[in-house]
Amino acid sequence: MRRFIAIALAGASLGGCSSMSWDMFKSAPPTVQVRLESNPPGADATTSLGAGCKTPCSVSVPAPDAPFTVAFALPKYQPTSVPVNVIKNPGDFTTPASVTTDPNPVFAELQPAAPPKPVRKPHRPKKPKPAATAAAPAEAAPAAAAAAPAAGSPFPDPNAGTR
């Protein structure tokens, strides 16, 4: 009877193993929390792995095997991109394996976009100002009378030197 019970238990345990998959021993890929910040805040931050948010925020990304980038964009500011390195620390018997990123938090200083250059109008020469007529009427009258004949004639005024 003992032999029958032992065979029955062994058969049941082997039956359970046949339905078992080796996939249950595989762990889910590790994820990494990455903090994203910018100055000024409110920028759209998108990782090259697909995850994104509006700063300041935190995203969870699957731990990649290679470095990735985070792109920051904000209207009226120049877009920028920050490289992020992935650091994998293998575990041992006392500590589990871990994955970290450098830098964390990922920070971007956004620079204002250059304003568009103003459109310059073509240069026009200034018009000459009219002669001052009310500056000194008493003094201007004899000078104007003396200059009038000289201005109308191609010859010099003969009385100009006698004064």
N, C-alpha and C. Protein backbone atom coordinates (compact mmCIF):
# COMPACT_ATOMS: atom_id res chain seq x y z
N MET A 1 0.80 -1.18 0.00
CA MET A 1 0.00 0.00 0.00
C MET A 1 0.86 1.27 0.00
N ARG A 2 1.93 1.25 0.74
CA ARG A 2 2.81 2.41 0.77
C ARG A 2 3.42 2.65 -0.60
N ARG A 3 3.72 1.59 -1.27
CA ARG A 3 4.30 1.71 -2.60
C ARG A 3 3.30 2.37 -3.54
N PHE A 4 2.06 2.05 -3.46
CA PHE A 4 1.03 2.62 -4.31
C PHE A 4 0.88 4.12 -4.05
N ILE A 5 0.91 4.52 -2.81
CA ILE A 5 0.78 5.94 -2.46
C ILE A 5 1.99 6.73 -2.97
N ALA A 6 3.19 6.17 -2.85
CA ALA A 6 4.40 6.84 -3.33
C ALA A 6 4.36 7.01 -4.83
N ILE A 7 3.88 5.99 -5.55
CA ILE A 7 3.80 6.09 -7.01
C ILE A 7 2.74 7.10 -7.41
N ALA A 8 1.65 7.15 -6.71
CA ALA A 8 0.59 8.10 -7.01
C ALA A 8 1.07 9.53 -6.77
N LEU A 9 1.76 9.77 -5.69
CA LEU A 9 2.30 11.11 -5.42
C LEU A 9 3.35 11.52 -6.46
N ALA A 10 4.21 10.60 -6.83
CA ALA A 10 5.23 10.90 -7.84
C ALA A 10 4.58 11.20 -9.18
N GLY A 11 3.55 10.45 -9.54
CA GLY A 11 2.84 10.68 -10.80
C GLY A 11 2.14 12.03 -10.81
N ALA A 12 1.53 12.39 -9.70
CA ALA A 12 0.84 13.68 -9.62
C ALA A 12 1.83 14.84 -9.69
N SER A 13 2.96 14.67 -9.06
CA SER A 13 3.95 15.75 -9.10
C SER A 13 4.55 15.88 -10.49
N LEU A 14 4.78 14.78 -11.18
CA LEU A 14 5.30 14.87 -12.55
C LEU A 14 4.25 15.43 -13.50
N GLY A 15 3.00 15.14 -13.26
CA GLY A 15 1.93 15.70 -14.08
C GLY A 15 1.87 17.21 -13.94
N GLY A 16 2.12 17.70 -12.76
CA GLY A 16 2.14 19.15 -12.53
C GLY A 16 3.31 19.81 -13.24
N CYS A 17 4.43 19.11 -13.33
CA CYS A 17 5.61 19.67 -14.00
C CYS A 17 5.41 19.74 -15.50
N SER A 18 4.64 18.81 -16.07
CA SER A 18 4.47 18.84 -17.51
C SER A 18 3.67 20.07 -17.96
N SER A 19 2.81 20.58 -17.12
CA SER A 19 2.05 21.76 -17.49
C SER A 19 2.78 23.05 -17.12
N MET A 20 3.89 22.94 -16.44
CA MET A 20 4.64 24.11 -16.01
C MET A 20 5.49 24.64 -17.17
N SER A 21 5.59 25.95 -17.27
CA SER A 21 6.37 26.59 -18.32
C SER A 21 7.63 27.20 -17.71
N TRP A 22 8.69 27.21 -18.48
CA TRP A 22 9.92 27.84 -18.00
C TRP A 22 9.80 29.35 -17.97
N ASP A 23 8.76 29.90 -18.62
CA ASP A 23 8.56 31.34 -18.64
C ASP A 23 8.25 31.90 -17.26
N MET A 24 7.76 31.08 -16.37
CA MET A 24 7.42 31.60 -15.06
C MET A 24 8.68 31.96 -14.25
N PHE A 25 9.83 31.45 -14.65
CA PHE A 25 11.07 31.79 -13.96
C PHE A 25 11.67 33.09 -14.48
N LYS A 26 11.20 33.52 -15.65
CA LYS A 26 11.71 34.79 -16.21
C LYS A 26 11.03 35.94 -15.49
N SER A 27 11.81 36.94 -15.13
CA SER A 27 11.24 38.11 -14.47
C SER A 27 10.87 39.15 -15.51
N ALA A 28 9.98 40.03 -15.14
CA ALA A 28 9.60 41.13 -16.03
C ALA A 28 10.80 42.05 -16.21
N PRO A 29 10.94 42.69 -17.38
CA PRO A 29 12.09 43.58 -17.56
C PRO A 29 12.02 44.70 -16.52
N PRO A 30 13.16 45.04 -15.96
CA PRO A 30 13.16 46.09 -14.93
C PRO A 30 12.82 47.45 -15.55
N THR A 31 12.18 48.27 -14.75
CA THR A 31 11.87 49.63 -15.19
C THR A 31 12.67 50.61 -14.35
N VAL A 32 12.82 51.80 -14.88
CA VAL A 32 13.59 52.85 -14.22
C VAL A 32 12.70 54.09 -14.11
N GLN A 33 12.66 54.68 -12.95
CA GLN A 33 11.97 55.96 -12.76
C GLN A 33 12.95 57.08 -13.09
N VAL A 34 12.57 57.94 -14.00
CA VAL A 34 13.44 59.05 -14.39
C VAL A 34 12.68 60.35 -14.11
N ARG A 35 13.29 61.22 -13.34
CA ARG A 35 12.71 62.52 -13.01
C ARG A 35 13.15 63.51 -14.08
N LEU A 36 12.19 64.28 -14.64
CA LEU A 36 12.46 65.24 -15.71
C LEU A 36 12.10 66.63 -15.22
N GLU A 37 13.06 67.56 -15.32
CA GLU A 37 12.86 68.94 -14.88
C GLU A 37 13.44 69.89 -15.92
N SER A 38 12.87 71.10 -15.96
CA SER A 38 13.38 72.11 -16.89
C SER A 38 13.23 73.49 -16.27
N ASN A 39 14.02 74.42 -16.80
CA ASN A 39 13.88 75.81 -16.43
C ASN A 39 13.69 76.60 -17.71
N PRO A 40 12.56 77.18 -17.98
CA PRO A 40 11.37 77.29 -17.16
C PRO A 40 10.58 75.99 -17.18
N PRO A 41 9.79 75.75 -16.11
CA PRO A 41 8.97 74.54 -16.06
C PRO A 41 7.84 74.61 -17.09
N GLY A 42 7.26 73.46 -17.39
CA GLY A 42 6.15 73.40 -18.33
C GLY A 42 6.56 72.93 -19.72
N ALA A 43 7.81 72.53 -19.89
CA ALA A 43 8.28 72.06 -21.20
C ALA A 43 7.77 70.64 -21.45
N ASP A 44 7.57 70.31 -22.71
CA ASP A 44 7.22 68.94 -23.09
C ASP A 44 8.51 68.14 -23.17
N ALA A 45 8.62 67.11 -22.33
CA ALA A 45 9.81 66.25 -22.31
C ALA A 45 9.43 64.89 -22.85
N THR A 46 10.20 64.42 -23.84
CA THR A 46 9.94 63.12 -24.46
C THR A 46 11.23 62.33 -24.53
N THR A 47 11.18 61.08 -24.04
CA THR A 47 12.37 60.23 -24.10
C THR A 47 12.44 59.57 -25.47
N SER A 48 13.62 59.16 -25.86
CA SER A 48 13.78 58.45 -27.13
C SER A 48 13.18 57.05 -27.04
N LEU A 49 12.77 56.63 -25.84
CA LEU A 49 12.12 55.33 -25.64
C LEU A 49 10.61 55.45 -25.79
N GLY A 50 10.10 56.67 -25.94
CA GLY A 50 8.68 56.86 -26.18
C GLY A 50 7.92 57.54 -25.07
N ALA A 51 8.33 57.38 -23.82
CA ALA A 51 7.59 57.98 -22.72
C ALA A 51 7.83 59.49 -22.68
N GLY A 52 6.83 60.23 -22.20
CA GLY A 52 6.98 61.68 -22.12
C GLY A 52 5.99 62.28 -21.15
N CYS A 53 6.21 63.55 -20.79
CA CYS A 53 5.33 64.27 -19.88
C CYS A 53 5.67 65.75 -19.94
N LYS A 54 4.95 66.56 -19.15
CA LYS A 54 5.19 68.00 -19.05
C LYS A 54 5.94 68.26 -17.75
N THR A 55 7.10 68.93 -17.84
CA THR A 55 7.96 69.12 -16.67
C THR A 55 7.33 70.05 -15.64
N PRO A 56 7.64 69.86 -14.37
CA PRO A 56 8.41 68.79 -13.74
C PRO A 56 7.55 67.54 -13.60
N CYS A 57 8.14 66.39 -13.84
CA CYS A 57 7.39 65.14 -13.80
C CYS A 57 8.36 63.97 -13.65
N SER A 58 7.79 62.77 -13.59
CA SER A 58 8.57 61.56 -13.48
C SER A 58 7.95 60.52 -14.41
N VAL A 59 8.79 59.82 -15.17
CA VAL A 59 8.30 58.78 -16.07
C VAL A 59 8.98 57.46 -15.73
N SER A 60 8.27 56.39 -16.02
CA SER A 60 8.81 55.05 -15.82
C SER A 60 9.09 54.47 -17.20
N VAL A 61 10.35 54.10 -17.44
CA VAL A 61 10.74 53.56 -18.74
C VAL A 61 11.37 52.19 -18.53
N PRO A 62 11.19 51.29 -19.51
CA PRO A 62 11.88 50.00 -19.39
C PRO A 62 13.39 50.23 -19.46
N ALA A 63 14.12 49.51 -18.62
CA ALA A 63 15.57 49.70 -18.56
C ALA A 63 16.20 49.29 -19.89
N PRO A 64 16.74 50.26 -20.64
CA PRO A 64 17.36 49.92 -21.93
C PRO A 64 18.77 49.40 -21.73
N ASP A 65 19.29 48.81 -22.80
CA ASP A 65 20.67 48.30 -22.76
C ASP A 65 21.67 49.38 -23.16
N ALA A 66 21.19 50.47 -23.72
CA ALA A 66 22.08 51.53 -24.22
C ALA A 66 21.57 52.88 -23.72
N PRO A 67 22.41 53.91 -23.81
CA PRO A 67 21.97 55.25 -23.42
C PRO A 67 20.78 55.71 -24.27
N PHE A 68 20.01 56.64 -23.74
CA PHE A 68 18.90 57.22 -24.48
C PHE A 68 18.93 58.73 -24.27
N THR A 69 18.05 59.44 -24.96
CA THR A 69 18.02 60.90 -24.86
C THR A 69 16.63 61.37 -24.42
N VAL A 70 16.60 62.57 -23.86
CA VAL A 70 15.35 63.22 -23.49
C VAL A 70 15.33 64.56 -24.22
N ALA A 71 14.28 64.78 -25.01
CA ALA A 71 14.13 66.03 -25.76
C ALA A 71 13.16 66.93 -25.03
N PHE A 72 13.54 68.20 -24.87
CA PHE A 72 12.71 69.19 -24.20
C PHE A 72 12.30 70.24 -25.22
N ALA A 73 11.00 70.62 -25.22
CA ALA A 73 10.51 71.63 -26.15
C ALA A 73 9.48 72.50 -25.43
N LEU A 74 9.55 73.80 -25.68
CA LEU A 74 8.63 74.77 -25.10
C LEU A 74 8.49 75.91 -26.09
N PRO A 75 7.25 76.37 -26.36
CA PRO A 75 7.09 77.47 -27.31
C PRO A 75 7.90 78.70 -26.88
N LYS A 76 8.46 79.40 -27.86
CA LYS A 76 9.29 80.60 -27.70
C LYS A 76 10.65 80.30 -27.06
N TYR A 77 11.03 79.01 -26.98
CA TYR A 77 12.34 78.61 -26.48
C TYR A 77 12.96 77.63 -27.47
N GLN A 78 14.29 77.62 -27.51
CA GLN A 78 14.99 76.69 -28.39
C GLN A 78 14.89 75.28 -27.81
N PRO A 79 14.54 74.28 -28.63
CA PRO A 79 14.49 72.91 -28.10
C PRO A 79 15.90 72.41 -27.77
N THR A 80 15.97 71.51 -26.81
CA THR A 80 17.26 70.95 -26.42
C THR A 80 17.09 69.48 -26.12
N SER A 81 18.20 68.76 -26.15
CA SER A 81 18.20 67.32 -25.91
C SER A 81 19.30 67.00 -24.90
N VAL A 82 18.99 66.11 -23.95
CA VAL A 82 19.94 65.74 -22.92
C VAL A 82 20.20 64.23 -23.00
N PRO A 83 21.47 63.80 -23.13
CA PRO A 83 21.76 62.36 -23.14
C PRO A 83 21.66 61.79 -21.72
N VAL A 84 21.17 60.56 -21.63
CA VAL A 84 21.01 59.88 -20.34
C VAL A 84 21.71 58.53 -20.44
N ASN A 85 22.64 58.27 -19.51
CA ASN A 85 23.35 56.99 -19.48
C ASN A 85 22.62 56.02 -18.55
N VAL A 86 22.66 54.75 -18.90
CA VAL A 86 22.04 53.70 -18.10
C VAL A 86 23.14 52.94 -17.38
N ILE A 87 22.99 52.83 -16.06
CA ILE A 87 23.99 52.13 -15.25
C ILE A 87 23.34 50.90 -14.64
N LYS A 88 23.85 49.72 -15.01
CA LYS A 88 23.32 48.47 -14.48
C LYS A 88 24.29 47.93 -13.44
N ASN A 89 23.78 47.73 -12.23
CA ASN A 89 24.58 47.16 -11.15
C ASN A 89 24.15 45.72 -10.94
N PRO A 90 25.01 44.75 -11.28
CA PRO A 90 24.61 43.36 -11.09
C PRO A 90 24.51 43.05 -9.59
N GLY A 91 23.52 42.29 -9.26
CA GLY A 91 23.34 41.92 -7.86
C GLY A 91 24.24 40.77 -7.47
N ASP A 92 24.30 40.51 -6.18
CA ASP A 92 25.02 39.34 -5.68
C ASP A 92 24.07 38.59 -4.75
N PHE A 93 24.60 37.75 -3.89
CA PHE A 93 23.74 36.95 -3.02
C PHE A 93 23.00 37.80 -1.99
N THR A 94 23.54 38.96 -1.65
CA THR A 94 22.90 39.76 -0.59
C THR A 94 22.12 40.94 -1.14
N THR A 95 22.40 41.40 -2.35
CA THR A 95 21.68 42.55 -2.91
C THR A 95 21.13 42.19 -4.29
N PRO A 96 19.95 42.70 -4.61
CA PRO A 96 19.40 42.43 -5.94
C PRO A 96 20.06 43.34 -6.99
N ALA A 97 19.92 42.96 -8.24
CA ALA A 97 20.45 43.78 -9.34
C ALA A 97 19.62 45.06 -9.42
N SER A 98 20.27 46.16 -9.82
CA SER A 98 19.55 47.42 -9.94
C SER A 98 19.98 48.15 -11.20
N VAL A 99 19.10 49.02 -11.66
CA VAL A 99 19.37 49.83 -12.84
C VAL A 99 19.10 51.28 -12.46
N THR A 100 20.08 52.16 -12.73
CA THR A 100 19.92 53.59 -12.46
C THR A 100 20.28 54.39 -13.71
N THR A 101 19.95 55.66 -13.69
CA THR A 101 20.29 56.54 -14.81
C THR A 101 21.15 57.68 -14.31
N ASP A 102 21.96 58.19 -15.21
CA ASP A 102 22.82 59.33 -14.90
C ASP A 102 22.67 60.34 -16.03
N PRO A 103 22.18 61.51 -15.82
CA PRO A 103 21.78 62.14 -14.56
C PRO A 103 20.35 61.75 -14.18
N ASN A 104 20.06 61.86 -12.92
CA ASN A 104 18.70 61.69 -12.43
C ASN A 104 18.54 62.61 -11.23
N PRO A 105 17.85 63.70 -11.31
CA PRO A 105 16.90 64.07 -12.35
C PRO A 105 17.60 64.61 -13.60
N VAL A 106 16.92 64.44 -14.72
CA VAL A 106 17.40 64.98 -15.99
C VAL A 106 16.92 66.43 -16.05
N PHE A 107 17.86 67.38 -16.15
CA PHE A 107 17.53 68.80 -16.10
C PHE A 107 17.96 69.48 -17.39
N ALA A 108 17.08 70.35 -17.91
CA ALA A 108 17.40 71.11 -19.12
C ALA A 108 17.16 72.59 -18.87
N GLU A 109 18.12 73.41 -19.24
CA GLU A 109 18.00 74.88 -19.17
C GLU A 109 17.65 75.35 -20.57
N LEU A 110 16.40 75.75 -20.77
CA LEU A 110 15.95 76.17 -22.10
C LEU A 110 16.30 77.63 -22.34
N GLN A 111 16.85 77.92 -23.52
CA GLN A 111 17.25 79.28 -23.89
C GLN A 111 16.15 79.91 -24.72
N PRO A 112 15.86 81.20 -24.49
CA PRO A 112 14.83 81.87 -25.30
C PRO A 112 15.22 81.86 -26.78
N ALA A 113 14.21 81.71 -27.62
CA ALA A 113 14.45 81.75 -29.07
C ALA A 113 14.78 83.19 -29.46
N ALA A 114 15.67 83.34 -30.42
CA ALA A 114 16.06 84.68 -30.88
C ALA A 114 14.86 85.33 -31.55
N PRO A 115 14.58 86.59 -31.23
CA PRO A 115 13.45 87.26 -31.88
C PRO A 115 13.75 87.44 -33.36
N PRO A 116 12.73 87.45 -34.19
CA PRO A 116 12.99 87.64 -35.62
C PRO A 116 13.58 89.02 -35.86
N LYS A 117 14.45 89.10 -36.86
CA LYS A 117 15.10 90.37 -37.18
C LYS A 117 14.06 91.34 -37.72
N PRO A 118 14.10 92.60 -37.28
CA PRO A 118 13.13 93.57 -37.80
C PRO A 118 13.41 93.87 -39.27
N VAL A 119 12.35 94.12 -40.00
CA VAL A 119 12.49 94.45 -41.41
C VAL A 119 12.89 95.91 -41.50
N ARG A 120 13.99 96.16 -42.15
CA ARG A 120 14.50 97.53 -42.27
C ARG A 120 13.91 98.18 -43.51
N LYS A 121 13.45 99.41 -43.33
CA LYS A 121 12.94 100.17 -44.46
C LYS A 121 14.11 100.77 -45.22
N PRO A 122 13.95 100.97 -46.53
CA PRO A 122 15.06 101.58 -47.28
C PRO A 122 15.31 103.00 -46.80
N HIS A 123 16.57 103.39 -46.82
CA HIS A 123 16.98 104.71 -46.35
C HIS A 123 16.58 105.77 -47.37
N ARG A 124 15.87 106.77 -46.89
CA ARG A 124 15.50 107.90 -47.74
C ARG A 124 16.24 109.13 -47.23
N PRO A 125 16.84 109.88 -48.13
CA PRO A 125 17.52 111.10 -47.66
C PRO A 125 16.49 112.10 -47.14
N LYS A 126 16.90 112.84 -46.12
CA LYS A 126 16.01 113.84 -45.53
C LYS A 126 15.88 115.02 -46.48
N LYS A 127 14.68 115.61 -46.46
CA LYS A 127 14.45 116.80 -47.27
C LYS A 127 15.13 117.99 -46.58
N PRO A 128 15.70 118.92 -47.37
CA PRO A 128 16.32 120.10 -46.73
C PRO A 128 15.24 120.96 -46.09
N LYS A 129 15.58 121.51 -44.95
CA LYS A 129 14.65 122.37 -44.22
C LYS A 129 14.55 123.72 -44.94
N PRO A 130 13.36 124.31 -44.94
CA PRO A 130 13.24 125.65 -45.56
C PRO A 130 13.98 126.68 -44.72
N ALA A 131 14.43 127.75 -45.36
CA ALA A 131 15.19 128.81 -44.68
C ALA A 131 14.32 129.46 -43.62
N ALA A 132 14.94 129.87 -42.53
CA ALA A 132 14.20 130.51 -41.45
C ALA A 132 13.75 131.88 -41.90
N THR A 133 12.46 132.15 -41.89
CA THR A 133 11.93 133.42 -42.37
C THR A 133 11.65 134.40 -41.26
N ALA A 134 11.38 133.94 -40.06
CA ALA A 134 11.01 134.84 -38.97
C ALA A 134 12.13 135.00 -37.96
N ALA A 135 13.35 134.71 -38.29
CA ALA A 135 14.45 134.75 -37.33
C ALA A 135 14.74 136.18 -36.93
N ALA A 136 15.05 137.03 -37.85
CA ALA A 136 15.33 138.45 -37.55
C ALA A 136 14.87 139.26 -38.76
N PRO A 137 13.63 139.73 -38.77
CA PRO A 137 13.13 140.40 -39.98
C PRO A 137 13.83 141.73 -40.27
N ALA A 138 14.26 142.45 -39.27
CA ALA A 138 14.92 143.74 -39.51
C ALA A 138 16.29 143.55 -40.13
N GLU A 139 17.00 142.54 -39.68
CA GLU A 139 18.34 142.31 -40.20
C GLU A 139 18.30 141.54 -41.50
N ALA A 140 17.30 140.72 -41.66
CA ALA A 140 17.23 139.87 -42.84
C ALA A 140 16.84 140.66 -44.09
N ALA A 141 16.11 141.75 -43.92
CA ALA A 141 15.64 142.51 -45.09
C ALA A 141 16.79 143.12 -45.89
N PRO A 142 17.79 143.84 -45.25
CA PRO A 142 18.87 144.38 -46.07
C PRO A 142 19.74 143.28 -46.68
N ALA A 143 19.93 142.18 -45.93
CA ALA A 143 20.75 141.10 -46.47
C ALA A 143 20.04 140.44 -47.64
N ALA A 144 18.73 140.30 -47.55
CA ALA A 144 17.97 139.68 -48.63
C ALA A 144 17.97 140.59 -49.86
N ALA A 145 17.90 141.92 -49.64
CA ALA A 145 17.90 142.86 -50.76
C ALA A 145 19.25 142.84 -51.49
N ALA A 146 20.32 142.70 -50.70
CA ALA A 146 21.64 142.66 -51.32
C ALA A 146 21.88 141.35 -52.02
N ALA A 147 21.33 140.26 -51.47
CA ALA A 147 21.55 138.95 -52.07
C ALA A 147 20.64 138.70 -53.25
N ALA A 148 19.51 139.39 -53.31
CA ALA A 148 18.55 139.15 -54.37
C ALA A 148 19.11 139.48 -55.75
N PRO A 149 19.77 140.64 -55.94
CA PRO A 149 20.29 140.91 -57.28
C PRO A 149 21.42 139.95 -57.63
N ALA A 150 22.22 139.57 -56.64
CA ALA A 150 23.32 138.66 -56.93
C ALA A 150 22.80 137.28 -57.26
N ALA A 151 21.71 136.90 -56.63
CA ALA A 151 21.17 135.58 -56.87
C ALA A 151 20.54 135.50 -58.25
N GLY A 152 19.95 136.60 -58.72
CA GLY A 152 19.29 136.59 -60.02
C GLY A 152 20.27 136.81 -61.17
N SER A 153 21.47 137.34 -60.91
CA SER A 153 22.41 137.69 -61.96
C SER A 153 23.58 136.71 -61.95
N PRO A 154 24.09 136.37 -63.11
CA PRO A 154 25.27 135.51 -63.15
C PRO A 154 26.56 136.26 -62.78
N PHE A 155 26.47 137.60 -62.66
CA PHE A 155 27.65 138.39 -62.35
C PHE A 155 27.66 138.78 -60.88
N PRO A 156 28.85 139.01 -60.31
CA PRO A 156 28.90 139.43 -58.91
C PRO A 156 28.36 140.84 -58.73
N ASP A 157 27.92 141.14 -57.51
CA ASP A 157 27.37 142.45 -57.18
C ASP A 157 28.54 143.45 -57.12
N PRO A 158 28.47 144.54 -57.87
CA PRO A 158 29.57 145.50 -57.85
C PRO A 158 29.62 146.29 -56.55
N ASN A 159 28.53 146.39 -55.81
CA ASN A 159 28.49 147.14 -54.57
C ASN A 159 28.85 146.28 -53.37
N ALA A 160 29.13 145.00 -53.55
CA ALA A 160 29.38 144.10 -52.43
C ALA A 160 30.66 144.47 -51.72
N GLY A 161 31.65 144.97 -52.36
CA GLY A 161 32.93 145.27 -51.73
C GLY A 161 32.99 146.66 -51.11
N THR A 162 32.02 147.55 -51.35
CA THR A 162 32.08 148.92 -50.86
C THR A 162 31.52 149.06 -49.44
N ARG A 163 30.95 148.22 -48.93
CA ARG A 163 30.38 148.33 -47.60
C ARG A 163 31.33 148.05 -46.55
